[in-house]
Amino acid sequence: MELSARVRPAAVGAADGALVLFHGRGADEHDLFPLLDALDPERRLAAATPRGPLALPPGGAHWYALGGIGTPEPTTFLSSFGAAAKWVDGFLAEQALGYDRLVLGGFSQGGVMAYSLGLGAGRPRPAAIVAFSSFIPAVPGLELDLSAPLPPVAIGHGTLDNVIGVEWGRRARALLEDAGAAVLYRESQMFHQVDPDYVRDVSEWLRQALPPLPEA
């Protein structure tokens, strides 16, 4: 299983880092592509939006079959997790970057993938994680490593979200803060969607979480 992706190069020269966003259930690699420029308007990062490898009802691309909120179906999830990990490894190698220069993010199912890849036991730690309207999953076969130091995490969630309730964003915040992570958290009076105002805050936050590389 190999992933495809839509890639946005850095504006000039070598990239300061990488930004990878995973889309939500039933969307595709084009869905969050405009968010790359919103989060990184200077285009200092090499950025990409991979496509989920699964085709499931009601259509579009998926990262896993539903198994309940908080508990993705294990077989499909672990398959996609492995494919996504391999793809991210390859993308960073192409950009001559390490995980310490990577921001992993996503919306809904994509946020689950970002959390899993960024916090999975034995996985390299990214520079930061961004999760919109999502949750930290509990899946047999996936062990999370919440030992210090954890990367900084930005979490945004709608208080009116009727797909993944806001309590899941609150749980993620509490779990991460209890483990010692620095969390930028925002609740918005919105449904299952991304708050543009919060995106601007996250963009500023990313400049601190992933500062420019020192000049050679």
N, C-alpha and C. Protein backbone atom coordinates (compact mmCIF):
# COMPACT_ATOMS: atom_id res chain seq x y z
N MET A 1 0.84 -1.19 0.00
CA MET A 1 0.00 0.00 0.00
C MET A 1 0.88 1.25 0.00
N GLU A 2 0.78 2.05 -1.05
CA GLU A 2 1.57 3.26 -1.15
C GLU A 2 0.64 4.46 -1.25
N LEU A 3 1.03 5.55 -0.61
CA LEU A 3 0.22 6.76 -0.62
C LEU A 3 0.63 7.68 -1.76
N SER A 4 -0.34 8.42 -2.26
CA SER A 4 -0.08 9.53 -3.17
C SER A 4 -0.32 10.82 -2.39
N ALA A 5 0.19 11.93 -2.90
CA ALA A 5 0.05 13.19 -2.17
C ALA A 5 0.15 14.36 -3.13
N ARG A 6 -0.43 15.45 -2.71
CA ARG A 6 -0.25 16.73 -3.40
C ARG A 6 0.82 17.50 -2.64
N VAL A 7 1.84 17.97 -3.33
CA VAL A 7 3.01 18.58 -2.69
C VAL A 7 3.11 20.05 -3.06
N ARG A 8 3.42 20.88 -2.08
CA ARG A 8 3.68 22.31 -2.29
C ARG A 8 5.11 22.59 -1.85
N PRO A 9 6.01 22.90 -2.80
CA PRO A 9 7.40 23.14 -2.42
C PRO A 9 7.54 24.42 -1.60
N ALA A 10 8.67 24.54 -0.92
CA ALA A 10 9.00 25.80 -0.26
C ALA A 10 9.23 26.87 -1.32
N ALA A 11 9.09 28.13 -0.93
CA ALA A 11 9.13 29.22 -1.90
C ALA A 11 10.50 29.34 -2.57
N VAL A 12 11.55 29.37 -1.78
CA VAL A 12 12.88 29.55 -2.36
C VAL A 12 13.89 28.72 -1.58
N GLY A 13 14.87 28.21 -2.29
CA GLY A 13 15.98 27.53 -1.64
C GLY A 13 15.57 26.33 -0.81
N ALA A 14 16.41 26.03 0.16
CA ALA A 14 16.14 24.89 1.03
C ALA A 14 15.04 25.24 2.03
N ALA A 15 14.16 24.29 2.27
CA ALA A 15 13.04 24.51 3.19
C ALA A 15 13.53 24.57 4.64
N ASP A 16 12.85 25.40 5.44
CA ASP A 16 13.14 25.46 6.88
C ASP A 16 12.63 24.22 7.61
N GLY A 17 11.70 23.53 6.99
CA GLY A 17 11.10 22.36 7.61
C GLY A 17 10.03 21.80 6.70
N ALA A 18 9.19 20.94 7.26
CA ALA A 18 8.13 20.30 6.48
C ALA A 18 6.81 20.38 7.24
N LEU A 19 5.73 20.49 6.49
CA LEU A 19 4.38 20.52 7.04
C LEU A 19 3.55 19.49 6.29
N VAL A 20 2.97 18.53 7.02
CA VAL A 20 2.15 17.49 6.42
C VAL A 20 0.78 17.52 7.08
N LEU A 21 -0.27 17.63 6.27
CA LEU A 21 -1.64 17.65 6.78
C LEU A 21 -2.41 16.46 6.22
N PHE A 22 -3.08 15.73 7.10
CA PHE A 22 -3.90 14.58 6.73
C PHE A 22 -5.38 14.98 6.74
N HIS A 23 -6.08 14.67 5.65
CA HIS A 23 -7.48 15.06 5.50
C HIS A 23 -8.41 14.20 6.35
N GLY A 24 -9.67 14.61 6.40
CA GLY A 24 -10.68 13.89 7.15
C GLY A 24 -11.37 12.81 6.34
N ARG A 25 -12.30 12.14 6.98
CA ARG A 25 -13.03 11.02 6.38
C ARG A 25 -13.83 11.45 5.16
N GLY A 26 -13.62 10.71 4.06
CA GLY A 26 -14.38 10.95 2.84
C GLY A 26 -13.90 12.14 2.02
N ALA A 27 -12.78 12.75 2.40
CA ALA A 27 -12.22 13.86 1.62
C ALA A 27 -11.08 13.32 0.75
N ASP A 28 -10.11 14.17 0.42
CA ASP A 28 -8.98 13.72 -0.41
C ASP A 28 -7.82 14.68 -0.20
N GLU A 29 -6.78 14.48 -1.00
CA GLU A 29 -5.56 15.27 -0.85
C GLU A 29 -5.73 16.74 -1.21
N HIS A 30 -6.83 17.09 -1.87
CA HIS A 30 -7.07 18.49 -2.24
C HIS A 30 -7.78 19.28 -1.14
N ASP A 31 -8.40 18.58 -0.21
CA ASP A 31 -9.28 19.23 0.76
C ASP A 31 -8.55 20.23 1.66
N LEU A 32 -7.43 19.83 2.23
CA LEU A 32 -6.69 20.70 3.14
C LEU A 32 -5.54 21.44 2.46
N PHE A 33 -5.40 21.28 1.15
CA PHE A 33 -4.27 21.91 0.47
C PHE A 33 -4.26 23.43 0.67
N PRO A 34 -5.40 24.14 0.58
CA PRO A 34 -5.36 25.59 0.83
C PRO A 34 -4.91 25.95 2.25
N LEU A 35 -5.09 25.03 3.19
CA LEU A 35 -4.69 25.28 4.57
C LEU A 35 -3.17 25.36 4.72
N LEU A 36 -2.44 24.77 3.78
CA LEU A 36 -0.98 24.86 3.83
C LEU A 36 -0.52 26.30 3.76
N ASP A 37 -1.08 27.07 2.83
CA ASP A 37 -0.71 28.48 2.71
C ASP A 37 -1.23 29.30 3.89
N ALA A 38 -2.38 28.92 4.44
CA ALA A 38 -2.92 29.64 5.59
C ALA A 38 -2.03 29.45 6.82
N LEU A 39 -1.50 28.26 6.99
CA LEU A 39 -0.62 27.99 8.13
C LEU A 39 0.82 28.45 7.88
N ASP A 40 1.22 28.47 6.64
CA ASP A 40 2.60 28.81 6.28
C ASP A 40 2.58 29.78 5.11
N PRO A 41 2.09 31.03 5.33
CA PRO A 41 1.93 31.97 4.21
C PRO A 41 3.24 32.37 3.55
N GLU A 42 4.34 32.28 4.27
CA GLU A 42 5.63 32.64 3.68
C GLU A 42 6.22 31.51 2.84
N ARG A 43 5.57 30.35 2.90
CA ARG A 43 6.03 29.17 2.17
C ARG A 43 7.48 28.83 2.49
N ARG A 44 7.81 28.91 3.76
CA ARG A 44 9.17 28.54 4.17
C ARG A 44 9.31 27.04 4.39
N LEU A 45 8.18 26.32 4.39
CA LEU A 45 8.18 24.88 4.63
C LEU A 45 7.82 24.12 3.37
N ALA A 46 8.45 22.99 3.16
CA ALA A 46 7.98 22.05 2.14
C ALA A 46 6.74 21.38 2.71
N ALA A 47 5.65 21.37 1.95
CA ALA A 47 4.37 20.95 2.52
C ALA A 47 3.67 19.95 1.61
N ALA A 48 2.82 19.13 2.22
CA ALA A 48 2.13 18.10 1.43
C ALA A 48 0.85 17.67 2.14
N THR A 49 -0.08 17.20 1.33
CA THR A 49 -1.34 16.65 1.82
C THR A 49 -1.53 15.26 1.21
N PRO A 50 -1.18 14.21 1.95
CA PRO A 50 -1.34 12.84 1.43
C PRO A 50 -2.82 12.45 1.30
N ARG A 51 -3.07 11.46 0.48
CA ARG A 51 -4.42 10.93 0.28
C ARG A 51 -4.57 9.63 1.05
N GLY A 52 -5.65 9.50 1.79
CA GLY A 52 -5.93 8.26 2.49
C GLY A 52 -6.00 7.10 1.53
N PRO A 53 -5.51 5.92 1.90
CA PRO A 53 -5.41 4.80 0.97
C PRO A 53 -6.67 3.98 0.79
N LEU A 54 -7.71 4.25 1.59
CA LEU A 54 -8.90 3.41 1.58
C LEU A 54 -10.06 4.09 0.86
N ALA A 55 -10.81 3.31 0.08
CA ALA A 55 -12.05 3.76 -0.56
C ALA A 55 -13.21 3.05 0.13
N LEU A 56 -13.96 3.79 0.91
CA LEU A 56 -15.05 3.23 1.70
C LEU A 56 -16.31 4.07 1.52
N PRO A 57 -17.50 3.49 1.80
CA PRO A 57 -18.72 4.29 1.77
C PRO A 57 -18.62 5.42 2.81
N PRO A 58 -19.17 6.58 2.52
CA PRO A 58 -20.03 6.94 1.38
C PRO A 58 -19.27 7.49 0.18
N GLY A 59 -17.96 7.29 0.13
CA GLY A 59 -17.15 7.80 -0.97
C GLY A 59 -15.96 8.57 -0.45
N GLY A 60 -15.10 9.00 -1.37
CA GLY A 60 -13.91 9.72 -0.98
C GLY A 60 -12.86 8.78 -0.41
N ALA A 61 -11.80 9.38 0.13
CA ALA A 61 -10.69 8.62 0.69
C ALA A 61 -10.80 8.58 2.21
N HIS A 62 -10.32 7.49 2.80
CA HIS A 62 -10.42 7.28 4.24
C HIS A 62 -9.09 6.77 4.77
N TRP A 63 -8.88 7.00 6.08
CA TRP A 63 -7.69 6.47 6.75
C TRP A 63 -7.99 5.18 7.49
N TYR A 64 -9.24 4.98 7.89
CA TYR A 64 -9.62 3.74 8.58
C TYR A 64 -11.13 3.61 8.55
N ALA A 65 -11.60 2.41 8.76
CA ALA A 65 -13.03 2.16 8.90
C ALA A 65 -13.47 2.58 10.30
N LEU A 66 -14.67 3.08 10.40
CA LEU A 66 -15.17 3.54 11.69
C LEU A 66 -15.33 2.36 12.65
N GLY A 67 -14.89 2.57 13.86
CA GLY A 67 -15.07 1.55 14.89
C GLY A 67 -15.63 2.16 16.15
N GLY A 68 -16.14 3.37 16.04
CA GLY A 68 -16.60 4.13 17.19
C GLY A 68 -15.68 5.32 17.42
N ILE A 69 -16.22 6.42 17.95
CA ILE A 69 -15.40 7.58 18.23
C ILE A 69 -14.36 7.21 19.28
N GLY A 70 -13.12 7.51 18.98
CA GLY A 70 -12.03 7.20 19.89
C GLY A 70 -11.38 5.87 19.64
N THR A 71 -12.06 4.99 18.89
CA THR A 71 -11.54 3.62 18.70
C THR A 71 -11.64 3.21 17.23
N PRO A 72 -10.71 3.67 16.38
CA PRO A 72 -10.71 3.25 14.99
C PRO A 72 -10.65 1.73 14.85
N GLU A 73 -11.22 1.22 13.74
CA GLU A 73 -11.17 -0.22 13.46
C GLU A 73 -9.70 -0.62 13.27
N PRO A 74 -9.19 -1.59 14.03
CA PRO A 74 -7.74 -1.82 14.09
C PRO A 74 -7.07 -2.22 12.78
N THR A 75 -7.66 -3.13 12.02
CA THR A 75 -6.97 -3.65 10.84
C THR A 75 -6.74 -2.56 9.81
N THR A 76 -7.78 -1.81 9.49
CA THR A 76 -7.63 -0.74 8.50
C THR A 76 -6.75 0.38 9.04
N PHE A 77 -6.90 0.70 10.32
CA PHE A 77 -6.08 1.76 10.90
C PHE A 77 -4.60 1.42 10.84
N LEU A 78 -4.23 0.24 11.30
CA LEU A 78 -2.82 -0.13 11.36
C LEU A 78 -2.21 -0.21 9.96
N SER A 79 -3.00 -0.63 8.99
CA SER A 79 -2.51 -0.66 7.61
C SER A 79 -2.20 0.75 7.12
N SER A 80 -3.12 1.67 7.35
CA SER A 80 -2.90 3.05 6.93
C SER A 80 -1.78 3.71 7.72
N PHE A 81 -1.70 3.39 9.00
CA PHE A 81 -0.64 3.93 9.85
C PHE A 81 0.73 3.55 9.29
N GLY A 82 0.89 2.28 8.93
CA GLY A 82 2.16 1.84 8.36
C GLY A 82 2.47 2.52 7.04
N ALA A 83 1.45 2.66 6.19
CA ALA A 83 1.65 3.32 4.89
C ALA A 83 1.99 4.79 5.08
N ALA A 84 1.31 5.44 6.02
CA ALA A 84 1.57 6.86 6.25
C ALA A 84 2.96 7.08 6.83
N ALA A 85 3.38 6.21 7.75
CA ALA A 85 4.72 6.33 8.32
C ALA A 85 5.78 6.19 7.24
N LYS A 86 5.60 5.22 6.36
CA LYS A 86 6.55 5.02 5.26
C LYS A 86 6.58 6.23 4.34
N TRP A 87 5.38 6.78 4.04
CA TRP A 87 5.33 7.94 3.15
C TRP A 87 6.02 9.15 3.78
N VAL A 88 5.77 9.41 5.07
CA VAL A 88 6.40 10.55 5.73
C VAL A 88 7.91 10.38 5.75
N ASP A 89 8.40 9.18 6.03
CA ASP A 89 9.84 8.93 6.00
C ASP A 89 10.42 9.31 4.64
N GLY A 90 9.73 8.89 3.57
CA GLY A 90 10.22 9.18 2.23
C GLY A 90 10.16 10.65 1.89
N PHE A 91 9.09 11.31 2.30
CA PHE A 91 8.95 12.75 2.02
C PHE A 91 10.06 13.54 2.70
N LEU A 92 10.35 13.22 3.95
CA LEU A 92 11.42 13.92 4.65
C LEU A 92 12.78 13.65 4.00
N ALA A 93 13.00 12.42 3.58
CA ALA A 93 14.27 12.09 2.92
C ALA A 93 14.43 12.90 1.64
N GLU A 94 13.34 13.04 0.88
CA GLU A 94 13.41 13.84 -0.35
C GLU A 94 13.76 15.29 -0.07
N GLN A 95 13.32 15.80 1.07
CA GLN A 95 13.57 17.19 1.42
C GLN A 95 14.85 17.37 2.23
N ALA A 96 15.57 16.29 2.50
CA ALA A 96 16.79 16.31 3.31
C ALA A 96 16.52 16.93 4.68
N LEU A 97 15.41 16.51 5.29
CA LEU A 97 15.00 17.02 6.59
C LEU A 97 14.79 15.86 7.56
N GLY A 98 14.91 16.15 8.84
CA GLY A 98 14.64 15.17 9.88
C GLY A 98 13.30 15.44 10.53
N TYR A 99 12.89 14.52 11.39
CA TYR A 99 11.62 14.68 12.09
C TYR A 99 11.60 15.90 13.01
N ASP A 100 12.78 16.33 13.45
CA ASP A 100 12.83 17.51 14.31
C ASP A 100 12.46 18.78 13.57
N ARG A 101 12.29 18.68 12.25
CA ARG A 101 11.87 19.84 11.44
C ARG A 101 10.50 19.59 10.80
N LEU A 102 9.73 18.68 11.36
CA LEU A 102 8.44 18.28 10.79
C LEU A 102 7.27 18.70 11.68
N VAL A 103 6.24 19.27 11.05
CA VAL A 103 4.96 19.51 11.71
C VAL A 103 3.95 18.54 11.11
N LEU A 104 3.32 17.73 11.96
CA LEU A 104 2.28 16.81 11.55
C LEU A 104 0.93 17.38 11.97
N GLY A 105 -0.02 17.41 11.04
CA GLY A 105 -1.33 17.94 11.39
C GLY A 105 -2.43 17.25 10.62
N GLY A 106 -3.67 17.52 11.02
CA GLY A 106 -4.79 16.95 10.30
C GLY A 106 -6.12 17.35 10.89
N PHE A 107 -7.16 17.04 10.15
CA PHE A 107 -8.55 17.32 10.53
C PHE A 107 -9.30 16.01 10.71
N SER A 108 -10.00 15.85 11.83
CA SER A 108 -10.87 14.70 12.07
C SER A 108 -10.05 13.40 11.99
N GLN A 109 -10.36 12.49 11.06
CA GLN A 109 -9.55 11.27 10.91
C GLN A 109 -8.08 11.62 10.69
N GLY A 110 -7.83 12.70 9.97
CA GLY A 110 -6.45 13.10 9.72
C GLY A 110 -5.72 13.53 10.97
N GLY A 111 -6.46 14.15 11.91
CA GLY A 111 -5.86 14.49 13.18
C GLY A 111 -5.48 13.25 13.98
N VAL A 112 -6.31 12.21 13.86
CA VAL A 112 -5.99 10.93 14.50
C VAL A 112 -4.67 10.39 13.96
N MET A 113 -4.48 10.49 12.64
CA MET A 113 -3.23 10.03 12.06
C MET A 113 -2.05 10.87 12.54
N ALA A 114 -2.24 12.18 12.65
CA ALA A 114 -1.15 13.05 13.12
C ALA A 114 -0.77 12.71 14.56
N TYR A 115 -1.77 12.55 15.42
CA TYR A 115 -1.49 12.16 16.80
C TYR A 115 -0.75 10.82 16.84
N SER A 116 -1.21 9.86 16.07
CA SER A 116 -0.65 8.51 16.11
C SER A 116 0.79 8.48 15.62
N LEU A 117 1.06 9.17 14.52
CA LEU A 117 2.41 9.20 13.98
C LEU A 117 3.35 10.02 14.87
N GLY A 118 2.81 11.06 15.50
CA GLY A 118 3.64 11.92 16.32
C GLY A 118 3.88 11.40 17.73
N LEU A 119 2.98 10.56 18.22
CA LEU A 119 3.07 10.08 19.60
C LEU A 119 3.24 8.57 19.71
N GLY A 120 3.28 7.87 18.58
CA GLY A 120 3.41 6.43 18.61
C GLY A 120 4.73 5.97 19.21
N ALA A 121 4.67 4.94 20.04
CA ALA A 121 5.89 4.41 20.65
C ALA A 121 6.86 3.93 19.57
N GLY A 122 8.12 4.32 19.72
CA GLY A 122 9.13 3.94 18.75
C GLY A 122 9.22 4.84 17.54
N ARG A 123 8.29 5.79 17.43
CA ARG A 123 8.31 6.72 16.31
C ARG A 123 9.16 7.93 16.65
N PRO A 124 9.82 8.53 15.65
CA PRO A 124 10.56 9.78 15.90
C PRO A 124 9.57 10.90 16.27
N ARG A 125 9.97 11.76 17.18
CA ARG A 125 9.13 12.87 17.60
C ARG A 125 9.20 14.01 16.58
N PRO A 126 8.05 14.53 16.15
CA PRO A 126 8.06 15.69 15.26
C PRO A 126 8.32 16.98 16.04
N ALA A 127 8.47 18.08 15.32
CA ALA A 127 8.66 19.37 15.97
C ALA A 127 7.37 19.86 16.61
N ALA A 128 6.21 19.50 16.03
CA ALA A 128 4.92 19.95 16.54
C ALA A 128 3.81 19.11 15.92
N ILE A 129 2.65 19.12 16.59
CA ILE A 129 1.45 18.43 16.11
C ILE A 129 0.29 19.41 16.12
N VAL A 130 -0.53 19.37 15.07
CA VAL A 130 -1.72 20.21 14.98
C VAL A 130 -2.92 19.31 14.72
N ALA A 131 -3.96 19.42 15.56
CA ALA A 131 -5.14 18.56 15.42
C ALA A 131 -6.40 19.41 15.47
N PHE A 132 -7.17 19.37 14.38
CA PHE A 132 -8.45 20.07 14.31
C PHE A 132 -9.58 19.05 14.40
N SER A 133 -10.49 19.26 15.35
CA SER A 133 -11.72 18.45 15.45
C SER A 133 -11.41 16.95 15.46
N SER A 134 -10.58 16.53 16.39
CA SER A 134 -10.07 15.16 16.34
C SER A 134 -9.99 14.56 17.74
N PHE A 135 -9.29 13.42 17.85
CA PHE A 135 -9.12 12.75 19.14
C PHE A 135 -7.84 11.92 19.11
N ILE A 136 -7.32 11.64 20.30
CA ILE A 136 -6.20 10.72 20.45
C ILE A 136 -6.77 9.31 20.52
N PRO A 137 -6.39 8.42 19.60
CA PRO A 137 -7.08 7.13 19.50
C PRO A 137 -6.60 6.09 20.50
N ALA A 138 -7.46 5.12 20.74
CA ALA A 138 -7.11 3.91 21.47
C ALA A 138 -7.33 2.74 20.51
N VAL A 139 -6.24 2.12 20.06
CA VAL A 139 -6.31 1.06 19.06
C VAL A 139 -5.42 -0.10 19.49
N PRO A 140 -5.94 -1.32 19.55
CA PRO A 140 -5.06 -2.47 19.81
C PRO A 140 -3.95 -2.54 18.76
N GLY A 141 -2.73 -2.63 19.20
CA GLY A 141 -1.60 -2.65 18.28
C GLY A 141 -0.90 -1.32 18.15
N LEU A 142 -1.52 -0.24 18.68
CA LEU A 142 -0.88 1.07 18.69
C LEU A 142 -0.60 1.44 20.14
N GLU A 143 0.67 1.58 20.45
CA GLU A 143 1.07 2.03 21.79
C GLU A 143 1.55 3.46 21.70
N LEU A 144 1.01 4.32 22.54
CA LEU A 144 1.44 5.71 22.56
C LEU A 144 2.57 5.90 23.57
N ASP A 145 3.46 6.83 23.26
CA ASP A 145 4.56 7.17 24.16
C ASP A 145 4.37 8.62 24.59
N LEU A 146 3.93 8.82 25.83
CA LEU A 146 3.69 10.16 26.35
C LEU A 146 4.78 10.59 27.32
N SER A 147 5.95 9.99 27.19
CA SER A 147 7.07 10.39 28.03
C SER A 147 7.65 11.71 27.55
N ALA A 148 8.24 12.45 28.47
CA ALA A 148 8.87 13.72 28.14
C ALA A 148 10.20 13.50 27.41
N PRO A 149 10.57 14.45 26.55
CA PRO A 149 9.84 15.67 26.21
C PRO A 149 8.86 15.42 25.07
N LEU A 150 7.67 15.99 25.18
CA LEU A 150 6.67 15.89 24.12
C LEU A 150 6.73 17.11 23.22
N PRO A 151 6.36 16.95 21.96
CA PRO A 151 6.31 18.12 21.09
C PRO A 151 5.16 19.03 21.50
N PRO A 152 5.24 20.33 21.20
CA PRO A 152 4.09 21.20 21.43
C PRO A 152 2.94 20.79 20.51
N VAL A 153 1.72 20.99 21.00
CA VAL A 153 0.53 20.55 20.27
C VAL A 153 -0.48 21.69 20.21
N ALA A 154 -1.06 21.91 19.04
CA ALA A 154 -2.16 22.86 18.86
C ALA A 154 -3.44 22.07 18.61
N ILE A 155 -4.47 22.35 19.40
CA ILE A 155 -5.75 21.65 19.29
C ILE A 155 -6.86 22.67 19.09
N GLY A 156 -7.67 22.47 18.07
CA GLY A 156 -8.85 23.30 17.84
C GLY A 156 -10.08 22.42 17.71
N HIS A 157 -11.19 22.83 18.36
CA HIS A 157 -12.40 22.01 18.32
C HIS A 157 -13.63 22.89 18.42
N GLY A 158 -14.68 22.51 17.71
CA GLY A 158 -15.94 23.24 17.77
C GLY A 158 -16.82 22.78 18.91
N THR A 159 -17.40 23.72 19.64
CA THR A 159 -18.27 23.35 20.76
C THR A 159 -19.58 22.75 20.27
N LEU A 160 -19.92 22.96 18.99
CA LEU A 160 -21.16 22.43 18.42
C LEU A 160 -20.90 21.21 17.56
N ASP A 161 -19.69 20.68 17.60
CA ASP A 161 -19.31 19.54 16.76
C ASP A 161 -20.22 18.34 17.06
N ASN A 162 -20.98 17.92 16.05
CA ASN A 162 -21.88 16.77 16.23
C ASN A 162 -21.34 15.51 15.58
N VAL A 163 -20.08 15.53 15.15
CA VAL A 163 -19.42 14.36 14.58
C VAL A 163 -18.43 13.78 15.61
N ILE A 164 -17.53 14.61 16.06
CA ILE A 164 -16.61 14.27 17.14
C ILE A 164 -16.81 15.34 18.20
N GLY A 165 -17.50 15.01 19.26
CA GLY A 165 -17.87 16.00 20.27
C GLY A 165 -16.68 16.71 20.87
N VAL A 166 -16.91 17.93 21.34
CA VAL A 166 -15.83 18.75 21.88
C VAL A 166 -15.15 18.09 23.07
N GLU A 167 -15.83 17.17 23.75
CA GLU A 167 -15.21 16.50 24.89
C GLU A 167 -13.95 15.73 24.49
N TRP A 168 -13.88 15.32 23.20
CA TRP A 168 -12.69 14.60 22.74
C TRP A 168 -11.49 15.54 22.62
N GLY A 169 -11.74 16.78 22.20
CA GLY A 169 -10.66 17.76 22.20
C GLY A 169 -10.20 18.08 23.62
N ARG A 170 -11.17 18.17 24.54
CA ARG A 170 -10.82 18.44 25.94
C ARG A 170 -10.03 17.29 26.55
N ARG A 171 -10.41 16.06 26.21
CA ARG A 171 -9.68 14.90 26.72
C ARG A 171 -8.23 14.90 26.22
N ALA A 172 -8.06 15.22 24.94
CA ALA A 172 -6.71 15.25 24.38
C ALA A 172 -5.87 16.31 25.07
N ARG A 173 -6.47 17.48 25.28
CA ARG A 173 -5.75 18.55 25.97
C ARG A 173 -5.32 18.11 27.36
N ALA A 174 -6.25 17.54 28.12
CA ALA A 174 -5.95 17.13 29.49
C ALA A 174 -4.86 16.06 29.52
N LEU A 175 -4.97 15.07 28.63
CA LEU A 175 -3.99 13.99 28.59
C LEU A 175 -2.60 14.53 28.30
N LEU A 176 -2.50 15.42 27.32
CA LEU A 176 -1.20 15.94 26.91
C LEU A 176 -0.63 16.89 27.95
N GLU A 177 -1.46 17.75 28.49
CA GLU A 177 -0.95 18.67 29.51
C GLU A 177 -0.52 17.91 30.76
N ASP A 178 -1.27 16.87 31.14
CA ASP A 178 -0.87 16.07 32.29
C ASP A 178 0.47 15.38 32.06
N ALA A 179 0.77 15.09 30.77
CA ALA A 179 2.05 14.45 30.43
C ALA A 179 3.17 15.47 30.26
N GLY A 180 2.85 16.77 30.38
CA GLY A 180 3.88 17.79 30.33
C GLY A 180 4.00 18.52 29.01
N ALA A 181 3.10 18.28 28.07
CA ALA A 181 3.17 18.95 26.77
C ALA A 181 2.65 20.38 26.87
N ALA A 182 3.22 21.27 26.07
CA ALA A 182 2.70 22.62 25.92
C ALA A 182 1.60 22.57 24.87
N VAL A 183 0.38 22.95 25.24
CA VAL A 183 -0.77 22.84 24.36
C VAL A 183 -1.38 24.20 24.09
N LEU A 184 -1.51 24.55 22.82
CA LEU A 184 -2.28 25.72 22.38
C LEU A 184 -3.68 25.21 22.07
N TYR A 185 -4.68 25.64 22.86
CA TYR A 185 -6.02 25.07 22.76
C TYR A 185 -7.04 26.16 22.47
N ARG A 186 -7.98 25.86 21.56
CA ARG A 186 -9.05 26.80 21.26
C ARG A 186 -10.34 26.05 20.99
N GLU A 187 -11.41 26.47 21.67
CA GLU A 187 -12.76 26.03 21.35
C GLU A 187 -13.47 27.17 20.63
N SER A 188 -14.18 26.83 19.56
CA SER A 188 -14.92 27.82 18.77
C SER A 188 -16.38 27.40 18.69
N GLN A 189 -17.27 28.36 18.59
CA GLN A 189 -18.69 28.06 18.47
C GLN A 189 -18.98 27.65 17.02
N MET A 190 -18.56 26.45 16.68
CA MET A 190 -18.65 25.94 15.32
C MET A 190 -19.00 24.46 15.37
N PHE A 191 -19.34 23.92 14.20
CA PHE A 191 -19.62 22.49 14.07
C PHE A 191 -18.33 21.75 13.74
N HIS A 192 -18.39 20.72 12.91
CA HIS A 192 -17.21 19.91 12.58
C HIS A 192 -16.46 20.60 11.44
N GLN A 193 -15.67 21.59 11.79
CA GLN A 193 -15.00 22.41 10.80
C GLN A 193 -13.81 23.10 11.44
N VAL A 194 -13.02 23.76 10.59
CA VAL A 194 -11.81 24.46 11.05
C VAL A 194 -12.12 25.94 11.20
N ASP A 195 -11.75 26.52 12.33
CA ASP A 195 -11.96 27.93 12.61
C ASP A 195 -10.84 28.76 11.96
N PRO A 196 -11.17 29.61 10.96
CA PRO A 196 -10.12 30.40 10.29
C PRO A 196 -9.37 31.32 11.25
N ASP A 197 -10.05 31.84 12.26
CA ASP A 197 -9.36 32.71 13.22
C ASP A 197 -8.30 31.92 14.00
N TYR A 198 -8.63 30.69 14.36
CA TYR A 198 -7.66 29.87 15.08
C TYR A 198 -6.50 29.48 14.18
N VAL A 199 -6.76 29.28 12.90
CA VAL A 199 -5.69 28.96 11.95
C VAL A 199 -4.64 30.07 11.96
N ARG A 200 -5.08 31.32 12.02
CA ARG A 200 -4.12 32.43 12.07
C ARG A 200 -3.27 32.37 13.34
N ASP A 201 -3.90 32.00 14.46
CA ASP A 201 -3.14 31.85 15.70
C ASP A 201 -2.13 30.71 15.58
N VAL A 202 -2.55 29.60 14.97
CA VAL A 202 -1.65 28.46 14.82
C VAL A 202 -0.48 28.82 13.89
N SER A 203 -0.75 29.62 12.88
CA SER A 203 0.32 30.05 11.98
C SER A 203 1.41 30.79 12.74
N GLU A 204 1.01 31.71 13.62
CA GLU A 204 1.99 32.42 14.45
C GLU A 204 2.70 31.47 15.40
N TRP A 205 1.95 30.55 15.96
CA TRP A 205 2.51 29.56 16.88
C TRP A 205 3.55 28.69 16.19
N LEU A 206 3.31 28.34 14.92
CA LEU A 206 4.25 27.50 14.18
C LEU A 206 5.60 28.18 13.99
N ARG A 207 5.59 29.49 13.87
CA ARG A 207 6.87 30.20 13.72
C ARG A 207 7.75 30.03 14.95
N GLN A 208 7.12 29.87 16.11
CA GLN A 208 7.87 29.63 17.33
C GLN A 208 8.22 28.15 17.50
N ALA A 209 7.26 27.28 17.15
CA ALA A 209 7.49 25.84 17.29
C ALA A 209 8.54 25.34 16.31
N LEU A 210 8.63 25.99 15.15
CA LEU A 210 9.59 25.59 14.13
C LEU A 210 10.28 26.84 13.59
N PRO A 211 11.23 27.38 14.34
CA PRO A 211 11.92 28.61 13.91
C PRO A 211 12.79 28.34 12.69
N PRO A 212 13.20 29.41 11.99
CA PRO A 212 14.05 29.24 10.82
C PRO A 212 15.35 28.52 11.16
N LEU A 213 15.84 27.77 10.20
CA LEU A 213 17.13 27.11 10.36
C LEU A 213 18.23 28.19 10.37
N PRO A 214 19.28 28.01 11.16
CA PRO A 214 20.39 28.97 11.12
C PRO A 214 21.05 28.93 9.75
N GLU A 215 21.48 30.09 9.31
CA GLU A 215 22.13 30.15 8.00
C GLU A 215 23.49 29.46 8.07
N ALA A 216 23.78 28.75 6.97
CA ALA A 216 25.06 28.03 6.93
C ALA A 216 26.23 29.00 6.88
